[in-house]
Amino acid sequence: MHYLSQDLAWVIDGLPPLALAKPHFLAAMLAAGEEHAPVLAEYPQARHEDLEAYYLSLRGIGALDEDLLHDLLFAHSFRELACGAWLAALAPQPSYRRYLLEARDRAPHQQYLIDLALAMLDREARDGGEWPCDAQTFADTRRIRFTLDALPRPAVPLRRAPAPSLQQRLQEEDQRIRELYRREGSAAALAAISGSASAFYRMDYPAWHRLGCPRLEEFLAGQGGGDA
């Protein structure tokens, strides 16, 4: 894992893994984009609930890099894999190829999404080709991609998963807090947790974002915690 699982979950929250790139999903997304084109063009100043699929996809590609794609394709379930392939299709990069090829043989039920991402990466100007990809699906996804490309891409910072050396420290910290709880009770334990590295890595993404997305060192300094 390169990123915290709760941050990864937030990035793809709301994307429907079983519907992504299916004809009804693409048709609905395109229809909403056409109907509400003036509102979509004003993003992020204006929003419309019917355009949620665009906003969720923008959030995903705003966060996407090689490490996040690797986590989505290999470190979780079919849901994350489907979302990762969809985002890679919308924001293809040559460096994604090796991960998509490796994932293709491991995910037969999501292979159509991986093939779509590979087709978008390899041959944007043609339908299908080496990767089995429905021509209409390819064309519709390509239209959606170009629409997204014209919109401001949000910056989506994520927390890195703790390195092995830090994981050991977190385990020791948790043990100290449990001992403090046994000696002095819940109030003392909660006070110790609030300024700890464990608190940094356990808080959900919205809570971290409300704090201004601090790095671990900044969080500990602001909370009066120990050295990172």
Protein backbone atom coordinates (compact mmCIF):
# COMPACT_ATOMS: atom_id res chain seq x y z
CA MET A 1 0.00 0.00 0.00
CA HIS A 2 1.27 3.43 -0.97
CA TYR A 3 -1.64 5.48 0.40
CA LEU A 4 -3.88 5.19 3.44
CA SER A 5 -6.88 2.98 2.77
CA GLN A 6 -9.35 5.55 4.12
CA ASP A 7 -7.97 8.22 1.78
CA LEU A 8 -8.20 5.84 -1.16
CA ALA A 9 -11.77 4.96 -0.19
CA TRP A 10 -12.72 8.64 -0.10
CA VAL A 11 -11.27 9.27 -3.57
CA ILE A 12 -13.56 6.72 -5.22
CA ASP A 13 -16.56 7.06 -2.91
CA GLY A 14 -19.69 7.46 -5.02
CA LEU A 15 -18.34 5.90 -8.21
CA PRO A 16 -20.52 2.88 -9.13
CA PRO A 17 -18.06 0.06 -9.86
CA LEU A 18 -20.58 -2.25 -11.52
CA ALA A 19 -21.87 0.48 -13.84
CA LEU A 20 -18.65 2.19 -14.93
CA ALA A 21 -18.26 2.27 -18.72
CA LYS A 22 -21.51 0.34 -19.21
CA PRO A 23 -23.73 1.72 -22.01
CA HIS A 24 -26.44 3.07 -19.68
CA PHE A 25 -23.87 4.79 -17.46
CA LEU A 26 -22.07 6.44 -20.36
CA ALA A 27 -25.33 7.49 -22.03
CA ALA A 28 -26.65 9.05 -18.83
CA MET A 29 -23.37 10.84 -18.20
CA LEU A 30 -23.24 12.24 -21.72
CA ALA A 31 -26.89 13.29 -21.63
CA ALA A 32 -26.39 15.11 -18.33
CA GLY A 33 -23.29 16.80 -19.68
CA GLU A 34 -25.17 18.06 -22.71
CA GLU A 35 -28.25 19.16 -20.78
CA HIS A 36 -26.26 21.01 -18.14
CA ALA A 37 -23.30 22.09 -20.26
CA PRO A 38 -23.38 25.74 -19.06
CA VAL A 39 -23.25 24.62 -15.41
CA LEU A 40 -20.52 22.09 -16.10
CA ALA A 41 -18.43 24.76 -17.83
CA GLU A 42 -18.57 26.87 -14.66
CA TYR A 43 -17.10 24.16 -12.43
CA PRO A 44 -16.06 24.52 -9.64
CA GLN A 45 -17.98 27.75 -9.05
CA ALA A 46 -21.28 26.08 -10.02
CA ARG A 47 -22.46 22.51 -9.55
CA HIS A 48 -25.54 20.44 -10.40
CA GLU A 49 -26.52 17.12 -8.84
CA ASP A 50 -27.05 15.52 -12.26
CA LEU A 51 -23.36 16.10 -13.01
CA GLU A 52 -22.12 14.17 -9.99
CA ALA A 53 -20.45 11.50 -12.15
CA TYR A 54 -18.29 14.22 -13.70
CA TYR A 55 -17.31 15.65 -10.32
CA LEU A 56 -16.49 12.23 -8.88
CA SER A 57 -14.41 11.34 -11.93
CA LEU A 58 -12.59 14.67 -11.73
CA ARG A 59 -11.79 14.04 -8.09
CA GLY A 60 -10.41 10.63 -8.98
CA ILE A 61 -8.18 11.77 -11.82
CA GLY A 62 -7.06 14.72 -9.69
CA ALA A 63 -5.62 12.22 -7.22
CA LEU A 64 -4.45 9.60 -9.72
CA ASP A 65 -0.79 8.75 -10.07
CA GLU A 66 1.18 5.52 -10.51
CA ASP A 67 1.11 4.66 -6.83
CA LEU A 68 -2.61 5.26 -6.43
CA LEU A 69 -3.37 3.23 -9.55
CA HIS A 70 -1.25 0.38 -8.21
CA ASP A 71 -3.15 0.47 -4.92
CA LEU A 72 -6.50 0.52 -6.70
CA LEU A 73 -5.64 -2.34 -9.03
CA PHE A 74 -3.84 -4.67 -6.62
CA ALA A 75 -4.34 -3.84 -2.95
CA HIS A 76 -8.10 -4.06 -2.58
CA SER A 77 -11.23 -5.60 -4.11
CA PHE A 78 -12.96 -5.58 -7.48
CA ARG A 79 -14.58 -2.25 -6.57
CA GLU A 80 -11.27 -0.44 -6.32
CA LEU A 81 -9.94 -2.22 -9.40
CA ALA A 82 -12.92 -1.13 -11.49
CA CYS A 83 -12.58 2.47 -10.33
CA GLY A 84 -8.84 2.45 -10.99
CA ALA A 85 -9.31 1.21 -14.55
CA TRP A 86 -12.04 3.80 -15.18
CA LEU A 87 -9.84 6.64 -13.96
CA ALA A 88 -6.91 5.36 -16.02
CA ALA A 89 -9.16 5.41 -19.10
CA LEU A 90 -10.06 9.04 -18.41
CA ALA A 91 -6.48 10.17 -17.75
CA PRO A 92 -4.20 7.71 -19.59
CA GLN A 93 -0.46 7.85 -19.00
CA PRO A 94 2.20 5.59 -20.57
CA SER A 95 3.49 4.68 -17.12
CA TYR A 96 0.13 3.07 -16.31
CA ARG A 97 0.50 0.41 -18.99
CA ARG A 98 2.49 -2.12 -16.96
CA TYR A 99 -0.01 -2.06 -14.11
CA LEU A 100 -2.98 -2.41 -16.45
CA LEU A 101 -1.37 -5.32 -18.27
CA GLU A 102 -0.58 -7.08 -15.00
CA ALA A 103 -4.09 -6.52 -13.67
CA ARG A 104 -5.74 -7.69 -16.89
CA ASP A 105 -4.99 -11.36 -16.26
CA ARG A 106 -6.07 -11.16 -12.62
CA ALA A 107 -9.50 -9.63 -13.09
CA PRO A 108 -11.58 -11.43 -15.73
CA HIS A 109 -14.82 -9.74 -14.66
CA GLN A 110 -13.34 -6.25 -14.94
CA GLN A 111 -11.28 -6.98 -18.03
CA TYR A 112 -13.55 -4.85 -20.21
CA LEU A 113 -12.61 -1.79 -18.14
CA ILE A 114 -8.92 -2.57 -18.30
CA ASP A 115 -9.18 -3.12 -22.06
CA LEU A 116 -10.90 0.25 -22.35
CA ALA A 117 -8.08 1.93 -20.43
CA LEU A 118 -5.47 0.23 -22.61
CA ALA A 119 -7.35 1.19 -25.78
CA MET A 120 -7.52 4.81 -24.65
CA LEU A 121 -3.82 4.71 -23.90
CA ASP A 122 -2.70 3.01 -27.10
CA ARG A 123 -5.02 4.07 -29.89
CA GLU A 124 -7.14 7.05 -29.00
CA ALA A 125 -8.15 7.67 -32.60
CA ARG A 126 -9.52 4.24 -33.40
CA ASP A 127 -12.27 1.95 -32.15
CA GLY A 128 -11.29 -1.32 -30.56
CA GLY A 129 -8.13 -2.72 -32.05
CA GLU A 130 -5.71 -4.90 -30.13
CA TRP A 131 -7.77 -4.66 -26.95
CA PRO A 132 -11.35 -5.95 -27.20
CA CYS A 133 -13.31 -2.74 -26.77
CA ASP A 134 -16.79 -1.89 -28.01
CA ALA A 135 -16.61 0.96 -30.52
CA GLN A 136 -19.46 2.93 -28.95
CA THR A 137 -18.02 2.50 -25.46
CA PHE A 138 -14.66 3.75 -26.70
CA ALA A 139 -16.23 6.76 -28.46
CA ASP A 140 -18.44 7.70 -25.50
CA THR A 141 -15.59 7.43 -23.01
CA ARG A 142 -13.41 9.50 -25.29
CA ARG A 143 -16.06 12.25 -25.37
CA ILE A 144 -16.28 12.21 -21.59
CA ARG A 145 -12.52 12.37 -21.31
CA PHE A 146 -12.31 15.41 -23.57
CA THR A 147 -15.05 17.11 -21.54
CA LEU A 148 -13.13 16.48 -18.33
CA ASP A 149 -9.89 17.67 -19.89
CA ALA A 150 -11.49 21.09 -20.44
CA LEU A 151 -12.33 21.48 -16.75
CA PRO A 152 -10.03 22.56 -13.91
CA ARG A 153 -8.50 19.47 -12.36
CA PRO A 154 -8.71 19.62 -8.58
CA ALA A 155 -5.68 19.06 -6.40
CA VAL A 156 -6.39 16.02 -4.22
CA PRO A 157 -3.64 15.47 -1.64
CA LEU A 158 -3.46 12.04 -0.01
CA ARG A 159 -1.62 10.68 2.99
CA ARG A 160 1.09 8.13 2.39
CA ALA A 161 0.81 4.84 4.24
CA PRO A 162 3.34 4.64 7.08
CA ALA A 163 6.70 3.10 6.26
CA PRO A 164 7.58 -0.19 7.99
CA SER A 165 9.82 1.61 10.47
CA LEU A 166 6.97 3.93 11.40
CA GLN A 167 4.52 1.04 11.68
CA GLN A 168 6.65 -0.35 14.50
CA ARG A 169 6.53 3.02 16.23
CA LEU A 170 2.75 3.14 15.85
CA GLN A 171 2.40 -0.28 17.43
CA GLU A 172 4.53 0.83 20.37
CA GLU A 173 2.51 4.02 20.66
CA ASP A 174 -0.75 2.05 20.70
CA GLN A 175 0.63 -0.17 23.43
CA ARG A 176 1.56 2.86 25.55
CA ILE A 177 -1.93 4.30 25.12
CA ARG A 178 -3.54 1.00 26.15
CA GLU A 179 -1.36 0.92 29.25
CA LEU A 180 -2.28 4.53 30.00
CA TYR A 181 -5.95 3.62 29.69
CA ARG A 182 -5.55 0.80 32.20
CA ARG A 183 -3.69 3.04 34.66
CA GLU A 184 -5.50 6.36 34.35
CA GLY A 185 -8.72 5.75 32.45
CA SER A 186 -10.34 6.83 29.21
CA ALA A 187 -9.86 10.60 29.59
CA ALA A 188 -6.08 10.28 29.83
CA ALA A 189 -5.96 7.81 26.95
CA LEU A 190 -8.08 10.04 24.70
CA ALA A 191 -5.89 13.03 25.50
CA ALA A 192 -2.79 11.04 24.54
CA ILE A 193 -4.35 9.79 21.31
CA SER A 194 -5.40 13.25 20.14
CA GLY A 195 -1.84 14.44 19.65
CA SER A 196 -0.32 11.19 18.44
CA ALA A 197 0.88 9.77 15.15
CA SER A 198 -1.82 7.12 15.55
CA ALA A 199 -4.46 9.85 15.46
CA PHE A 200 -2.96 11.23 12.25
CA TYR A 201 -3.13 7.89 10.47
CA ARG A 202 -6.52 6.87 11.83
CA MET A 203 -8.56 9.99 11.17
CA ASP A 204 -10.81 9.85 8.15
CA TYR A 205 -10.07 11.89 5.06
CA PRO A 206 -12.64 14.68 5.64
CA ALA A 207 -11.28 15.27 9.15
CA TRP A 208 -7.72 15.47 7.82
CA HIS A 209 -8.83 17.79 5.04
CA ARG A 210 -10.57 20.11 7.51
CA LEU A 211 -7.24 20.47 9.29
CA GLY A 212 -5.67 21.71 6.05
CA CYS A 213 -4.10 18.39 4.95
CA PRO A 214 -1.06 18.68 7.23
CA ARG A 215 1.95 16.41 6.95
CA LEU A 216 2.61 14.19 9.94
CA GLU A 217 5.29 16.55 11.25
CA GLU A 218 2.94 19.52 10.99
CA PHE A 219 0.13 17.63 12.68
CA LEU A 220 2.32 16.59 15.60
CA ALA A 221 3.70 20.11 16.00
CA GLY A 222 0.22 21.61 15.93
CA GLN A 223 -1.10 19.11 18.46
CA GLY A 224 1.92 19.34 20.72
CA GLY A 225 2.91 15.77 19.92
CA GLY A 226 6.34 14.21 19.81
CA ASP A 227 8.86 14.16 17.02
CA ALA A 228 7.86 12.53 13.72
